[in-house]
């Protein structure tokens, strides 16, 4: 994954394989352990992840055609991207630290 610092970087990543990576991670982080999600078959879960990833990729592609909208949100997006990257780094460090205990 290339370095993501701007909304344009993020949308370019999401318009490709990034949407699958993000959706897969978000599902495993947010839905694992949820009884309804756990009761679904693996095949159905994969289909849900694929469909949501496709929708996210198409949305990212559509947003890239709206530069006037992106210019308005770009400063806010840069802040959100920096915060999410920092948060993800702390999560990785926290998990690695648990393994050392």
PDB file of N, CA and C in Angstrom:
ATOM      1  N   UNK A   1       0.850  -1.182   0.000  1.00  0.00           N
ATOM      2  CA  UNK A   1       0.000   0.000   0.000  1.00  0.00           C
ATOM      3  C   UNK A   1       0.887   1.234   0.000  1.00  0.00           C
ATOM      4  N   UNK A   2       0.639   2.129  -0.925  1.00  0.00           N
ATOM      5  CA  UNK A   2       1.376   3.378  -0.966  1.00  0.00           C
ATOM      6  C   UNK A   2       0.961   4.246   0.204  1.00  0.00           C
ATOM      7  N   UNK A   3       1.762   5.244   0.469  1.00  0.00           N
ATOM      8  CA  UNK A   3       1.458   6.162   1.557  1.00  0.00           C
ATOM      9  C   UNK A   3       0.209   6.972   1.227  1.00  0.00           C
ATOM     10  N   UNK A   4      -0.708   7.054   2.171  1.00  0.00           N
ATOM     11  CA  UNK A   4      -1.957   7.789   1.970  1.00  0.00           C
ATOM     12  C   UNK A   4      -1.929   9.010   2.871  1.00  0.00           C
ATOM     13  N   UNK A   5      -1.917  10.189   2.253  1.00  0.00           N
ATOM     14  CA  UNK A   5      -1.890  11.434   3.014  1.00  0.00           C
ATOM     15  C   UNK A   5      -3.022  12.385   2.646  1.00  0.00           C
ATOM     16  N   UNK A   6      -3.572  12.224   1.467  1.00  0.00           N
ATOM     17  CA  UNK A   6      -4.619  13.142   1.021  1.00  0.00           C
ATOM     18  C   UNK A   6      -5.880  12.359   0.659  1.00  0.00           C
ATOM     19  N   UNK A   7      -6.943  13.089   0.494  1.00  0.00           N
ATOM     20  CA  UNK A   7      -8.195  12.443   0.089  1.00  0.00           C
ATOM     21  C   UNK A   7      -8.053  11.819  -1.297  1.00  0.00           C
ATOM     22  N   UNK A   8      -7.244  12.434  -2.155  1.00  0.00           N
ATOM     23  CA  UNK A   8      -7.018  11.879  -3.490  1.00  0.00           C
ATOM     24  C   UNK A   8      -6.290  10.550  -3.392  1.00  0.00           C
ATOM     25  N   UNK A   9      -5.288  10.464  -2.500  1.00  0.00           N
ATOM     26  CA  UNK A   9      -4.575   9.199  -2.281  1.00  0.00           C
ATOM     27  C   UNK A   9      -5.536   8.123  -1.785  1.00  0.00           C
ATOM     28  N   UNK A  10      -6.367   8.498  -0.811  1.00  0.00           N
ATOM     29  CA  UNK A  10      -7.311   7.551  -0.223  1.00  0.00           C
ATOM     30  C   UNK A  10      -8.309   7.047  -1.265  1.00  0.00           C
ATOM     31  N   UNK A  11      -8.858   7.966  -2.043  1.00  0.00           N
ATOM     32  CA  UNK A  11      -9.840   7.565  -3.055  1.00  0.00           C
ATOM     33  C   UNK A  11      -9.213   6.697  -4.134  1.00  0.00           C
ATOM     34  N   UNK A  12      -7.984   7.002  -4.512  1.00  0.00           N
ATOM     35  CA  UNK A  12      -7.299   6.171  -5.494  1.00  0.00           C
ATOM     36  C   UNK A  12      -7.083   4.761  -4.972  1.00  0.00           C
ATOM     37  N   UNK A  13      -6.714   4.654  -3.702  1.00  0.00           N
ATOM     38  CA  UNK A  13      -6.514   3.352  -3.075  1.00  0.00           C
ATOM     39  C   UNK A  13      -7.835   2.597  -2.971  1.00  0.00           C
ATOM     40  N   UNK A  14      -8.888   3.308  -2.543  1.00  0.00           N
ATOM     41  CA  UNK A  14     -10.199   2.675  -2.389  1.00  0.00           C
ATOM     42  C   UNK A  14     -10.812   2.275  -3.723  1.00  0.00           C
ATOM     43  N   UNK A  15     -10.490   2.993  -4.785  1.00  0.00           N
ATOM     44  CA  UNK A  15     -11.032   2.658  -6.103  1.00  0.00           C
ATOM     45  C   UNK A  15     -10.423   1.361  -6.630  1.00  0.00           C
ATOM     46  N   UNK A  16      -9.376   0.890  -5.997  1.00  0.00           N
ATOM     47  CA  UNK A  16      -8.754  -0.380  -6.375  1.00  0.00           C
ATOM     48  C   UNK A  16      -8.939  -1.412  -5.279  1.00  0.00           C
ATOM     49  N   UNK A  17      -7.877  -2.115  -4.981  1.00  0.00           N
ATOM     50  CA  UNK A  17      -7.935  -3.193  -3.982  1.00  0.00           C
ATOM     51  C   UNK A  17      -8.158  -2.679  -2.569  1.00  0.00           C
ATOM     52  N   UNK A  18      -7.944  -1.408  -2.342  1.00  0.00           N
ATOM     53  CA  UNK A  18      -8.102  -0.849  -1.005  1.00  0.00           C
ATOM     54  C   UNK A  18      -9.482  -1.048  -0.415  1.00  0.00           C
ATOM     55  N   UNK A  19     -10.496  -1.014  -1.263  1.00  0.00           N
ATOM     56  CA  UNK A  19     -11.851  -1.186  -0.736  1.00  0.00           C
ATOM     57  C   UNK A  19     -12.031  -2.578  -0.145  1.00  0.00           C
ATOM     58  N   UNK A  20     -11.478  -3.593  -0.786  1.00  0.00           N
ATOM     59  CA  UNK A  20     -11.584  -4.962  -0.254  1.00  0.00           C
ATOM     60  C   UNK A  20     -10.809  -5.069   1.053  1.00  0.00           C
ATOM     61  N   UNK A  21      -9.615  -4.500   1.090  1.00  0.00           N
ATOM     62  CA  UNK A  21      -8.798  -4.542   2.305  1.00  0.00           C
ATOM     63  C   UNK A  21      -9.515  -3.830   3.440  1.00  0.00           C
ATOM     64  N   UNK A  22     -10.017  -2.631   3.179  1.00  0.00           N
ATOM     65  CA  UNK A  22     -10.688  -1.858   4.225  1.00  0.00           C
ATOM     66  C   UNK A  22     -11.956  -2.548   4.708  1.00  0.00           C
ATOM     67  N   UNK A  23     -12.777  -3.019   3.795  1.00  0.00           N
ATOM     68  CA  UNK A  23     -14.038  -3.667   4.189  1.00  0.00           C
ATOM     69  C   UNK A  23     -13.751  -4.956   4.952  1.00  0.00           C
ATOM     70  N   UNK A  24     -12.809  -5.745   4.481  1.00  0.00           N
ATOM     71  CA  UNK A  24     -12.472  -6.991   5.186  1.00  0.00           C
ATOM     72  C   UNK A  24     -11.993  -6.701   6.603  1.00  0.00           C
ATOM     73  N   UNK A  25     -11.129  -5.709   6.734  1.00  0.00           N
ATOM     74  CA  UNK A  25     -10.626  -5.355   8.067  1.00  0.00           C
ATOM     75  C   UNK A  25     -11.762  -4.827   8.943  1.00  0.00           C
ATOM     76  N   UNK A  26     -12.577  -3.944   8.395  1.00  0.00           N
ATOM     77  CA  UNK A  26     -13.665  -3.357   9.186  1.00  0.00           C
ATOM     78  C   UNK A  26     -14.653  -4.420   9.641  1.00  0.00           C
ATOM     79  N   UNK A  27     -14.939  -5.372   8.771  1.00  0.00           N
ATOM     80  CA  UNK A  27     -15.870  -6.447   9.137  1.00  0.00           C
ATOM     81  C   UNK A  27     -15.268  -7.307  10.239  1.00  0.00           C
ATOM     82  N   UNK A  28     -14.007  -7.684  10.084  1.00  0.00           N
ATOM     83  CA  UNK A  28     -13.400  -8.532  11.111  1.00  0.00           C
ATOM     84  C   UNK A  28     -13.289  -7.792  12.436  1.00  0.00           C
ATOM     85  N   UNK A  29     -13.038  -6.496  12.381  1.00  0.00           N
ATOM     86  CA  UNK A  29     -12.912  -5.719  13.612  1.00  0.00           C
ATOM     87  C   UNK A  29     -14.278  -5.422  14.233  1.00  0.00           C
ATOM     88  N   UNK A  30     -15.228  -5.064  13.393  1.00  0.00           N
ATOM     89  CA  UNK A  30     -16.513  -4.601  13.918  1.00  0.00           C
ATOM     90  C   UNK A  30     -17.584  -5.653  14.104  1.00  0.00           C
ATOM     91  N   UNK A  31     -17.564  -6.704  13.293  1.00  0.00           N
ATOM     92  CA  UNK A  31     -18.669  -7.656  13.339  1.00  0.00           C
ATOM     93  C   UNK A  31     -18.322  -9.005  13.957  1.00  0.00           C
ATOM     94  N   UNK A  32     -17.032  -9.340  13.993  1.00  0.00           N
ATOM     95  CA  UNK A  32     -16.676 -10.628  14.595  1.00  0.00           C
ATOM     96  C   UNK A  32     -17.119 -10.633  16.052  1.00  0.00           C
ATOM     97  N   UNK A  33     -17.715 -11.729  16.447  1.00  0.00           N
ATOM     98  CA  UNK A  33     -18.250 -11.840  17.803  1.00  0.00           C
ATOM     99  C   UNK A  33     -19.718 -11.456  17.898  1.00  0.00           C
ATOM    100  N   UNK A  34     -20.247 -10.802  16.870  1.00  0.00           N
ATOM    101  CA  UNK A  34     -21.652 -10.439  16.831  1.00  0.00           C
ATOM    102  C   UNK A  34     -22.413 -11.688  16.424  1.00  0.00           C
ATOM    103  N   UNK A  35     -23.356 -12.129  17.227  1.00  0.00           N
ATOM    104  CA  UNK A  35     -24.033 -13.414  17.031  1.00  0.00           C
ATOM    105  C   UNK A  35     -24.673 -13.554  15.648  1.00  0.00           C
ATOM    106  N   UNK A  36     -25.322 -12.510  15.173  1.00  0.00           N
ATOM    107  CA  UNK A  36     -25.977 -12.586  13.861  1.00  0.00           C
ATOM    108  C   UNK A  36     -24.928 -12.827  12.777  1.00  0.00           C
ATOM    109  N   UNK A  37     -23.815 -12.087  12.814  1.00  0.00           N
ATOM    110  CA  UNK A  37     -22.761 -12.242  11.819  1.00  0.00           C
ATOM    111  C   UNK A  37     -22.144 -13.636  11.915  1.00  0.00           C
ATOM    112  N   UNK A  38     -21.891 -14.096  13.121  1.00  0.00           N
ATOM    113  CA  UNK A  38     -21.276 -15.407  13.333  1.00  0.00           C
ATOM    114  C   UNK A  38     -22.163 -16.540  12.830  1.00  0.00           C
ATOM    115  N   UNK A  39     -23.479 -16.317  12.818  1.00  0.00           N
ATOM    116  CA  UNK A  39     -24.390 -17.381  12.388  1.00  0.00           C
ATOM    117  C   UNK A  39     -24.478 -17.516  10.865  1.00  0.00           C
ATOM    118  N   UNK A  40     -23.941 -16.551  10.138  1.00  0.00           N
ATOM    119  CA  UNK A  40     -23.986 -16.598   8.677  1.00  0.00           C
ATOM    120  C   UNK A  40     -22.934 -17.568   8.149  1.00  0.00           C
ATOM    121  N   UNK A  41     -23.186 -18.120   6.976  1.00  0.00           N
ATOM    122  CA  UNK A  41     -22.206 -19.025   6.377  1.00  0.00           C
ATOM    123  C   UNK A  41     -21.010 -18.216   5.863  1.00  0.00           C
ATOM    124  N   UNK A  42     -19.869 -18.884   5.756  1.00  0.00           N
ATOM    125  CA  UNK A  42     -18.662 -18.219   5.266  1.00  0.00           C
ATOM    126  C   UNK A  42     -18.870 -17.675   3.856  1.00  0.00           C
ATOM    127  N   UNK A  43     -19.590 -18.414   3.038  1.00  0.00           N
ATOM    128  CA  UNK A  43     -19.844 -17.987   1.665  1.00  0.00           C
ATOM    129  C   UNK A  43     -20.672 -16.700   1.635  1.00  0.00           C
ATOM    130  N   UNK A  44     -21.693 -16.621   2.494  1.00  0.00           N
ATOM    131  CA  UNK A  44     -22.533 -15.427   2.536  1.00  0.00           C
ATOM    132  C   UNK A  44     -21.733 -14.235   3.062  1.00  0.00           C
ATOM    133  N   UNK A  45     -20.896 -14.461   4.077  1.00  0.00           N
ATOM    134  CA  UNK A  45     -20.046 -13.384   4.600  1.00  0.00           C
ATOM    135  C   UNK A  45     -19.139 -12.854   3.504  1.00  0.00           C
ATOM    136  N   UNK A  46     -18.556 -13.745   2.730  1.00  0.00           N
ATOM    137  CA  UNK A  46     -17.680 -13.334   1.631  1.00  0.00           C
ATOM    138  C   UNK A  46     -18.440 -12.508   0.605  1.00  0.00           C
ATOM    139  N   UNK A  47     -19.661 -12.906   0.310  1.00  0.00           N
ATOM    140  CA  UNK A  47     -20.486 -12.163  -0.636  1.00  0.00           C
ATOM    141  C   UNK A  47     -20.793 -10.763  -0.105  1.00  0.00           C
ATOM    142  N   UNK A  48     -21.132 -10.655   1.163  1.00  0.00           N
ATOM    143  CA  UNK A  48     -21.407  -9.352   1.771  1.00  0.00           C
ATOM    144  C   UNK A  48     -20.170  -8.465   1.683  1.00  0.00           C
ATOM    145  N   UNK A  49     -19.010  -9.005   2.037  1.00  0.00           N
ATOM    146  CA  UNK A  49     -17.763  -8.237   1.978  1.00  0.00           C
ATOM    147  C   UNK A  49     -17.500  -7.775   0.546  1.00  0.00           C
ATOM    148  N   UNK A  50     -17.674  -8.658  -0.433  1.00  0.00           N
ATOM    149  CA  UNK A  50     -17.458  -8.308  -1.825  1.00  0.00           C
ATOM    150  C   UNK A  50     -18.399  -7.198  -2.275  1.00  0.00           C
ATOM    151  N   UNK A  51     -19.678  -7.330  -1.961  1.00  0.00           N
ATOM    152  CA  UNK A  51     -20.657  -6.322  -2.384  1.00  0.00           C
ATOM    153  C   UNK A  51     -20.381  -4.964  -1.744  1.00  0.00           C
ATOM    154  N   UNK A  52     -20.071  -4.942  -0.459  1.00  0.00           N
ATOM    155  CA  UNK A  52     -19.771  -3.669   0.213  1.00  0.00           C
ATOM    156  C   UNK A  52     -18.487  -3.068  -0.354  1.00  0.00           C
ATOM    157  N   UNK A  53     -17.488  -3.906  -0.633  1.00  0.00           N
ATOM    158  CA  UNK A  53     -16.237  -3.421  -1.217  1.00  0.00           C
ATOM    159  C   UNK A  53     -16.476  -2.821  -2.602  1.00  0.00           C
ATOM    160  N   UNK A  54     -17.313  -3.458  -3.390  1.00  0.00           N
ATOM    161  CA  UNK A  54     -17.646  -2.927  -4.718  1.00  0.00           C
ATOM    162  C   UNK A  54     -18.339  -1.572  -4.590  1.00  0.00           C
ATOM    163  N   UNK A  55     -19.305  -1.487  -3.687  1.00  0.00           N
ATOM    164  CA  UNK A  55     -19.999  -0.212  -3.484  1.00  0.00           C
ATOM    165  C   UNK A  55     -19.032   0.881  -3.041  1.00  0.00           C
ATOM    166  N   UNK A  56     -18.123   0.549  -2.137  1.00  0.00           N
ATOM    167  CA  UNK A  56     -17.141   1.526  -1.664  1.00  0.00           C
ATOM    168  C   UNK A  56     -16.199   1.945  -2.793  1.00  0.00           C
ATOM    169  N   UNK A  57     -15.763   0.989  -3.598  1.00  0.00           N
ATOM    170  CA  UNK A  57     -14.899   1.304  -4.733  1.00  0.00           C
ATOM    171  C   UNK A  57     -15.585   2.196  -5.754  1.00  0.00           C
ATOM    172  N   UNK A  58     -16.841   1.905  -6.043  1.00  0.00           N
ATOM    173  CA  UNK A  58     -17.608   2.730  -6.996  1.00  0.00           C
ATOM    174  C   UNK A  58     -17.831   4.130  -6.428  1.00  0.00           C
ATOM    175  N   UNK A  59     -18.134   4.210  -5.139  1.00  0.00           N
ATOM    176  CA  UNK A  59     -18.297   5.521  -4.497  1.00  0.00           C
ATOM    177  C   UNK A  59     -16.996   6.321  -4.576  1.00  0.00           C
ATOM    178  N   UNK A  60     -15.873   5.676  -4.302  1.00  0.00           N
ATOM    179  CA  UNK A  60     -14.576   6.357  -4.383  1.00  0.00           C
ATOM    180  C   UNK A  60     -14.311   6.850  -5.800  1.00  0.00           C
ATOM    181  N   UNK A  61     -14.631   6.027  -6.783  1.00  0.00           N
ATOM    182  CA  UNK A  61     -14.440   6.421  -8.181  1.00  0.00           C
ATOM    183  C   UNK A  61     -15.340   7.599  -8.532  1.00  0.00           C
ATOM    184  N   UNK A  62     -16.581   7.555  -8.099  1.00  0.00           N
ATOM    185  CA  UNK A  62     -17.515   8.650  -8.357  1.00  0.00           C
ATOM    186  C   UNK A  62     -17.025   9.944  -7.702  1.00  0.00           C
ATOM    187  N   UNK A  63     -16.551   9.838  -6.461  1.00  0.00           N
ATOM    188  CA  UNK A  63     -16.062  11.036  -5.768  1.00  0.00           C
ATOM    189  C   UNK A  63     -14.869  11.659  -6.478  1.00  0.00           C
ATOM    190  N   UNK A  64     -14.055  10.842  -7.135  1.00  0.00           N
ATOM    191  CA  UNK A  64     -12.915  11.378  -7.879  1.00  0.00           C
ATOM    192  C   UNK A  64     -13.363  12.234  -9.059  1.00  0.00           C
ATOM    193  N   UNK A  65     -14.595  12.060  -9.493  1.00  0.00           N
ATOM    194  CA  UNK A  65     -15.113  12.877 -10.599  1.00  0.00           C
ATOM    195  C   UNK A  65     -15.755  14.165 -10.090  1.00  0.00           C
ATOM    196  N   UNK A  66     -15.707  14.388  -8.807  1.00  0.00           N
ATOM    197  CA  UNK A  66     -16.313  15.571  -8.178  1.00  0.00           C
ATOM    198  C   UNK A  66     -15.246  16.403  -7.463  1.00  0.00           C
ATOM    199  N   UNK A  67     -14.294  16.986  -8.207  1.00  0.00           N
ATOM    200  CA  UNK A  67     -13.209  17.729  -7.552  1.00  0.00           C
ATOM    201  C   UNK A  67     -13.702  18.916  -6.731  1.00  0.00           C
ATOM    202  N   UNK A  68     -14.814  19.529  -7.134  1.00  0.00           N
ATOM    203  CA  UNK A  68     -15.326  20.677  -6.383  1.00  0.00           C
ATOM    204  C   UNK A  68     -15.760  20.265  -4.974  1.00  0.00           C
ATOM    205  N   UNK A  69     -16.313  19.100  -4.849  1.00  0.00           N
ATOM    206  CA  UNK A  69     -16.710  18.573  -3.538  1.00  0.00           C
ATOM    207  C   UNK A  69     -15.476  18.202  -2.714  1.00  0.00           C
ATOM    208  N   UNK A  70     -14.523  17.568  -3.365  1.00  0.00           N
ATOM    209  CA  UNK A  70     -13.329  17.117  -2.659  1.00  0.00           C
ATOM    210  C   UNK A  70     -12.488  18.270  -2.151  1.00  0.00           C
ATOM    211  N   UNK A  71     -12.448  19.364  -2.892  1.00  0.00           N
ATOM    212  CA  UNK A  71     -11.677  20.523  -2.437  1.00  0.00           C
ATOM    213  C   UNK A  71     -12.242  21.080  -1.131  1.00  0.00           C
ATOM    214  N   UNK A  72     -13.536  20.997  -0.953  1.00  0.00           N
ATOM    215  CA  UNK A  72     -14.177  21.489   0.273  1.00  0.00           C
ATOM    216  C   UNK A  72     -13.823  20.602   1.464  1.00  0.00           C
ATOM    217  N   UNK A  73     -13.813  19.284   1.251  1.00  0.00           N
ATOM    218  CA  UNK A  73     -13.591  18.362   2.374  1.00  0.00           C
ATOM    219  C   UNK A  73     -12.137  17.958   2.561  1.00  0.00           C
ATOM    220  N   UNK A  74     -11.263  18.331   1.623  1.00  0.00           N
ATOM    221  CA  UNK A  74      -9.859  17.892   1.668  1.00  0.00           C
ATOM    222  C   UNK A  74      -9.153  18.191   2.987  1.00  0.00           C
ATOM    223  N   UNK A  75      -9.263  19.400   3.556  1.00  0.00           N
ATOM    224  CA  UNK A  75      -8.555  19.655   4.817  1.00  0.00           C
ATOM    225  C   UNK A  75      -9.060  18.765   5.959  1.00  0.00           C
ATOM    226  N   UNK A  76     -10.344  18.526   5.991  1.00  0.00           N
ATOM    227  CA  UNK A  76     -10.926  17.681   7.029  1.00  0.00           C
ATOM    228  C   UNK A  76     -10.530  16.220   6.820  1.00  0.00           C
ATOM    229  N   UNK A  77     -10.519  15.806   5.561  1.00  0.00           N
ATOM    230  CA  UNK A  77     -10.132  14.434   5.241  1.00  0.00           C
ATOM    231  C   UNK A  77      -8.688  14.176   5.644  1.00  0.00           C
ATOM    232  N   UNK A  78      -7.803  15.140   5.417  1.00  0.00           N
ATOM    233  CA  UNK A  78      -6.395  14.966   5.792  1.00  0.00           C
ATOM    234  C   UNK A  78      -6.261  14.752   7.295  1.00  0.00           C
ATOM    235  N   UNK A  79      -7.023  15.484   8.075  1.00  0.00           N
ATOM    236  CA  UNK A  79      -7.009  15.314   9.526  1.00  0.00           C
ATOM    237  C   UNK A  79      -7.525  13.938   9.920  1.00  0.00           C
ATOM    238  N   UNK A  80      -8.625  13.531   9.328  1.00  0.00           N
ATOM    239  CA  UNK A  80      -9.202  12.218   9.641  1.00  0.00           C
ATOM    240  C   UNK A  80      -8.244  11.100   9.244  1.00  0.00           C
ATOM    241  N   UNK A  81      -7.626  11.210   8.075  1.00  0.00           N
ATOM    242  CA  UNK A  81      -6.675  10.190   7.622  1.00  0.00           C
ATOM    243  C   UNK A  81      -5.522  10.073   8.614  1.00  0.00           C
ATOM    244  N   UNK A  82      -4.963  11.210   9.043  1.00  0.00           N
ATOM    245  CA  UNK A  82      -3.845  11.187   9.994  1.00  0.00           C
ATOM    246  C   UNK A  82      -4.252  10.539  11.311  1.00  0.00           C
ATOM    247  N   UNK A  83      -5.436  10.851  11.798  1.00  0.00           N
ATOM    248  CA  UNK A  83      -5.911  10.285  13.066  1.00  0.00           C
ATOM    249  C   UNK A  83      -6.129   8.782  12.932  1.00  0.00           C
ATOM    250  N   UNK A  84      -6.749   8.345  11.847  1.00  0.00           N
ATOM    251  CA  UNK A  84      -7.008   6.908  11.654  1.00  0.00           C
ATOM    252  C   UNK A  84      -5.691   6.142  11.534  1.00  0.00           C
ATOM    253  N   UNK A  85      -4.727   6.676  10.797  1.00  0.00           N
ATOM    254  CA  UNK A  85      -3.437   6.005  10.664  1.00  0.00           C
ATOM    255  C   UNK A  85      -2.748   5.902  12.018  1.00  0.00           C
ATOM    256  N   UNK A  86      -2.792   6.965  12.807  1.00  0.00           N
ATOM    257  CA  UNK A  86      -2.190   6.925  14.149  1.00  0.00           C
ATOM    258  C   UNK A  86      -2.912   5.905  15.022  1.00  0.00           C
ATOM    259  N   UNK A  87      -4.236   5.868  14.944  1.00  0.00           N
ATOM    260  CA  UNK A  87      -5.006   4.912  15.741  1.00  0.00           C
ATOM    261  C   UNK A  87      -4.673   3.484  15.341  1.00  0.00           C
ATOM    262  N   UNK A  88      -4.597   3.223  14.026  1.00  0.00           N
ATOM    263  CA  UNK A  88      -4.254   1.885  13.564  1.00  0.00           C
ATOM    264  C   UNK A  88      -2.872   1.467  14.057  1.00  0.00           C
ATOM    265  N   UNK A  89      -1.935   2.403  14.058  1.00  0.00           N
ATOM    266  CA  UNK A  89      -0.589   2.100  14.554  1.00  0.00           C
ATOM    267  C   UNK A  89      -0.627   1.723  16.028  1.00  0.00           C
ATOM    268  N   UNK A  90      -1.461   2.407  16.812  1.00  0.00           N
ATOM    269  CA  UNK A  90      -1.542   2.058  18.233  1.00  0.00           C
ATOM    270  C   UNK A  90      -2.178   0.694  18.432  1.00  0.00           C
ATOM    271  N   UNK A  91      -3.132   0.332  17.563  1.00  0.00           N
ATOM    272  CA  UNK A  91      -3.770  -0.973  17.681  1.00  0.00           C
ATOM    273  C   UNK A  91      -2.788  -2.092  17.379  1.00  0.00           C
ATOM    274  N   UNK A  92      -1.968  -1.893  16.353  1.00  0.00           N
ATOM    275  CA  UNK A  92      -0.957  -2.885  16.001  1.00  0.00           C
ATOM    276  C   UNK A  92       0.061  -3.013  17.138  1.00  0.00           C
ATOM    277  N   UNK A  93       0.495  -1.878  17.666  1.00  0.00           N
ATOM    278  CA  UNK A  93       1.452  -1.893  18.772  1.00  0.00           C
ATOM    279  C   UNK A  93       0.845  -2.566  19.998  1.00  0.00           C
ATOM    280  N   UNK A  94      -0.418  -2.293  20.272  1.00  0.00           N
ATOM    281  CA  UNK A  94      -1.089  -2.902  21.430  1.00  0.00           C
ATOM    282  C   UNK A  94      -1.160  -4.418  21.286  1.00  0.00           C
ATOM    283  N   UNK A  95      -1.513  -4.909  20.103  1.00  0.00           N
ATOM    284  CA  UNK A  95      -1.582  -6.350  19.885  1.00  0.00           C
ATOM    285  C   UNK A  95      -0.205  -6.980  19.988  1.00  0.00           C
ATOM    286  N   UNK A  96       0.810  -6.318  19.439  1.00  0.00           N
ATOM    287  CA  UNK A  96       2.172  -6.837  19.512  1.00  0.00           C
ATOM    288  C   UNK A  96       2.651  -6.883  20.963  1.00  0.00           C
ATOM    289  N   UNK A  97       2.271  -5.894  21.732  1.00  0.00           N
ATOM    290  CA  UNK A  97       2.672  -5.828  23.132  1.00  0.00           C
ATOM    291  C   UNK A  97       2.014  -6.942  23.941  1.00  0.00           C
ATOM    292  N   UNK A  98       0.765  -7.277  23.625  1.00  0.00           N
ATOM    293  CA  UNK A  98       0.066  -8.373  24.308  1.00  0.00           C
ATOM    294  C   UNK A  98       0.808  -9.679  24.101  1.00  0.00           C
ATOM    295  N   UNK A  99       1.349  -9.870  22.909  1.00  0.00           N
ATOM    296  CA  UNK A  99       2.073 -11.094  22.590  1.00  0.00           C
ATOM    297  C   UNK A  99       3.357 -11.252  23.373  1.00  0.00           C
ATOM    298  N   UNK A 100       3.916 -10.129  23.854  1.00  0.00           N
ATOM    299  CA  UNK A 100       5.155 -10.164  24.608  1.00  0.00           C
ATOM    300  C   UNK A 100       4.926 -10.444  26.084  1.00  0.00           C
ATOM    301  N   UNK A 101       3.715 -10.277  26.548  1.00  0.00           N
ATOM    302  CA  UNK A 101       3.413 -10.462  27.976  1.00  0.00           C
ATOM    303  C   UNK A 101       3.401 -11.905  28.361  1.00  0.00           C
TER     304      UNK A 101
END
